[in-house]
């Protein structure tokens, strides 16, 4: 019972995160495109480049990249060379391979999480700022840590999802029992 409640709450939080992430990716992508066009028009047509626009655009782009990485991890849509579909014929075997792959992904994300956390904490402690707009560098570098946290969480979610799928594939269905 507690597991079902936990899954229900997590599903609602995931849906909220999905909607907000999608909106931020769309808004961020549009912002990057518009700032690049604006900078080209200002620089090459009017000969009046806008100071700091490239830095702003880069910061937004970095956040969009990591939000996209979270999204790809969440949906299991990242680039992959999946040979398991041809090698393993049963749903249970395919799910077991997915569990193994996601365990390896979890290890990689955990390493990334550790190093991004160490770097972010160090950078925050130095108070380092960007050269153009004089923003704290943690505003862009913090995207790595943010992305690593959620990619690690979604690796865990995918492990549970495929583990449940592998276990369910091994059980006979209710129609077969009757």
Protein backbone atom coordinates (compact mmCIF):
# COMPACT_ATOMS: atom_id res chain seq x y z
CA UNK A 1 0.00 0.00 0.00
CA UNK A 2 2.77 2.43 0.93
CA UNK A 3 4.59 1.59 -2.31
CA UNK A 4 1.48 2.52 -4.36
CA UNK A 5 1.09 5.83 -2.50
CA UNK A 6 4.78 6.60 -3.01
CA UNK A 7 4.51 5.79 -6.72
CA UNK A 8 1.40 7.97 -7.04
CA UNK A 9 3.06 10.96 -5.36
CA UNK A 10 6.23 10.49 -7.41
CA UNK A 11 4.16 10.25 -10.61
CA UNK A 12 2.47 13.57 -9.83
CA UNK A 13 5.81 15.25 -9.05
CA UNK A 14 7.24 13.74 -12.23
CA UNK A 15 4.37 15.14 -14.29
CA UNK A 16 4.89 18.60 -12.79
CA UNK A 17 8.63 18.36 -13.43
CA UNK A 18 7.93 17.18 -16.98
CA UNK A 19 5.68 20.15 -17.74
CA UNK A 20 8.05 22.71 -16.24
CA UNK A 21 11.12 21.17 -17.91
CA UNK A 22 9.38 21.09 -21.28
CA UNK A 23 8.37 24.73 -20.92
CA UNK A 24 11.90 25.75 -19.90
CA UNK A 25 13.46 23.85 -22.81
CA UNK A 26 11.10 25.51 -25.30
CA UNK A 27 11.53 28.95 -23.74
CA UNK A 28 15.31 28.53 -23.46
CA UNK A 29 15.69 27.27 -27.02
CA UNK A 30 13.64 30.18 -28.34
CA UNK A 31 15.67 32.61 -26.24
CA UNK A 32 18.97 31.27 -27.56
CA UNK A 33 17.74 31.45 -31.15
CA UNK A 34 16.42 34.99 -30.71
CA UNK A 35 19.56 36.26 -28.99
CA UNK A 36 21.78 34.83 -31.73
CA UNK A 37 19.64 36.44 -34.45
CA UNK A 38 19.57 39.71 -32.52
CA UNK A 39 23.34 39.71 -32.09
CA UNK A 40 23.91 38.98 -35.79
CA UNK A 41 21.54 41.77 -36.84
CA UNK A 42 23.02 44.24 -34.37
CA UNK A 43 26.62 43.37 -35.14
CA UNK A 44 26.63 42.93 -38.92
CA UNK A 45 23.79 45.19 -40.07
CA UNK A 46 23.84 48.04 -37.54
CA UNK A 47 27.51 47.64 -36.49
CA UNK A 48 26.39 47.95 -32.84
CA UNK A 49 27.03 44.69 -30.95
CA UNK A 50 25.19 44.36 -27.64
CA UNK A 51 27.62 43.75 -24.80
CA UNK A 52 27.04 40.54 -22.84
CA UNK A 53 24.46 39.03 -25.17
CA UNK A 54 26.73 36.10 -26.12
CA UNK A 55 27.42 35.33 -22.47
CA UNK A 56 23.72 35.41 -21.67
CA UNK A 57 22.96 33.18 -24.65
CA UNK A 58 25.66 30.67 -23.62
CA UNK A 59 24.34 30.50 -20.07
CA UNK A 60 20.80 29.83 -21.28
CA UNK A 61 22.09 27.25 -23.79
CA UNK A 62 24.03 25.35 -21.11
CA UNK A 63 20.89 25.10 -18.98
CA UNK A 64 18.88 23.93 -22.00
CA UNK A 65 21.50 21.24 -22.74
CA UNK A 66 21.31 19.83 -19.22
CA UNK A 67 17.52 20.05 -19.10
CA UNK A 68 17.54 18.09 -22.36
CA UNK A 69 19.86 15.51 -20.82
CA UNK A 70 17.48 15.12 -17.90
CA UNK A 71 14.58 14.78 -20.32
CA UNK A 72 16.43 12.15 -22.37
CA UNK A 73 17.28 10.17 -19.24
CA UNK A 74 13.72 10.41 -17.98
CA UNK A 75 12.21 9.16 -21.22
CA UNK A 76 15.01 6.68 -22.06
CA UNK A 77 15.38 8.38 -25.44
CA UNK A 78 19.09 9.13 -25.44
CA UNK A 79 21.24 7.87 -28.32
CA UNK A 80 21.85 4.17 -27.95
CA UNK A 81 23.00 1.24 -30.03
CA UNK A 82 20.52 -1.36 -28.85
CA UNK A 83 21.53 -4.80 -30.09
CA UNK A 84 19.64 -6.50 -27.27
CA UNK A 85 16.42 -6.40 -29.29
CA UNK A 86 17.97 -8.84 -31.77
CA UNK A 87 19.90 -10.97 -29.31
CA UNK A 88 17.22 -11.51 -26.69
CA UNK A 89 13.78 -12.67 -27.75
CA UNK A 90 11.82 -12.64 -24.48
CA UNK A 91 10.47 -9.55 -22.77
CA UNK A 92 12.05 -10.67 -19.51
CA UNK A 93 15.53 -10.97 -21.03
CA UNK A 94 15.24 -7.58 -22.71
CA UNK A 95 14.10 -5.98 -19.45
CA UNK A 96 16.99 -7.66 -17.60
CA UNK A 97 19.44 -6.17 -20.12
CA UNK A 98 17.81 -2.77 -19.63
CA UNK A 99 18.28 -3.13 -15.85
CA UNK A 100 21.98 -3.90 -16.37
CA UNK A 101 22.39 -0.96 -18.76
CA UNK A 102 20.65 1.41 -16.36
CA UNK A 103 22.82 0.17 -13.49
CA UNK A 104 25.88 1.11 -15.54
CA UNK A 105 24.27 4.44 -16.40
CA UNK A 106 23.59 4.99 -12.71
CA UNK A 107 27.27 4.41 -11.93
CA UNK A 108 28.29 6.92 -14.62
CA UNK A 109 25.74 9.48 -13.38
CA UNK A 110 26.87 9.00 -9.79
CA UNK A 111 30.46 9.74 -10.80
CA UNK A 112 29.29 12.79 -12.75
CA UNK A 113 27.17 13.87 -9.78
CA UNK A 114 30.11 13.60 -7.41
CA UNK A 115 32.49 15.59 -9.60
CA UNK A 116 29.93 18.23 -10.54
CA UNK A 117 29.07 18.67 -6.85
CA UNK A 118 32.71 19.03 -5.85
CA UNK A 119 33.35 21.51 -8.65
CA UNK A 120 30.17 23.50 -7.96
CA UNK A 121 30.93 23.73 -4.23
CA UNK A 122 34.50 24.82 -4.96
CA UNK A 123 33.35 27.37 -7.54
CA UNK A 124 30.70 28.75 -5.22
CA UNK A 125 33.32 29.09 -2.49
CA UNK A 126 35.67 31.06 -4.73
CA UNK A 127 32.94 33.51 -5.74
CA UNK A 128 34.36 33.51 -9.26
CA UNK A 129 32.50 35.69 -11.74
CA UNK A 130 32.16 35.79 -15.50
CA UNK A 131 34.33 38.19 -17.45
CA UNK A 132 31.55 39.98 -19.35
CA UNK A 133 28.44 40.46 -17.25
CA UNK A 134 30.22 39.76 -13.97
CA UNK A 135 27.65 37.11 -13.00
CA UNK A 136 28.61 34.40 -10.52
CA UNK A 137 29.93 31.47 -12.58
CA UNK A 138 27.84 29.11 -10.49
CA UNK A 139 24.80 30.28 -12.51
CA UNK A 140 26.09 28.35 -15.52
CA UNK A 141 28.19 25.65 -13.85
CA UNK A 142 25.36 24.87 -11.42
CA UNK A 143 23.46 23.45 -14.39
CA UNK A 144 25.88 20.49 -14.36
CA UNK A 145 25.07 19.68 -10.75
CA UNK A 146 21.34 20.20 -11.28
CA UNK A 147 21.42 17.95 -14.35
CA UNK A 148 23.48 15.29 -12.57
CA UNK A 149 21.06 15.15 -9.64
CA UNK A 150 18.03 14.57 -11.83
CA UNK A 151 19.79 12.24 -14.28
CA UNK A 152 20.86 10.10 -11.31
CA UNK A 153 17.32 10.08 -9.91
CA UNK A 154 15.86 9.12 -13.28
CA UNK A 155 18.45 6.34 -13.64
CA UNK A 156 17.11 4.94 -10.37
CA UNK A 157 13.54 5.32 -11.62
CA UNK A 158 14.40 3.49 -14.84
CA UNK A 159 16.10 0.68 -12.93
CA UNK A 160 12.95 0.20 -10.83
CA UNK A 161 10.73 0.42 -13.93
CA UNK A 162 12.66 -2.22 -15.88
CA UNK A 163 13.15 -4.39 -12.81
CA UNK A 164 9.38 -4.43 -12.30
CA UNK A 165 8.97 -5.19 -15.99
CA UNK A 166 11.45 -8.09 -15.81
CA UNK A 167 9.76 -9.52 -12.74
CA UNK A 168 6.28 -9.12 -14.25
CA UNK A 169 7.40 -10.82 -17.48
CA UNK A 170 8.41 -13.89 -15.48
CA UNK A 171 5.04 -14.22 -13.77
CA UNK A 172 2.08 -15.85 -15.45
CA UNK A 173 -0.75 -13.46 -16.23
CA UNK A 174 -4.05 -13.60 -14.34
CA UNK A 175 -5.84 -15.01 -17.40
CA UNK A 176 -3.42 -17.96 -17.46
CA UNK A 177 -4.13 -18.70 -13.76
CA UNK A 178 -7.86 -19.24 -14.30
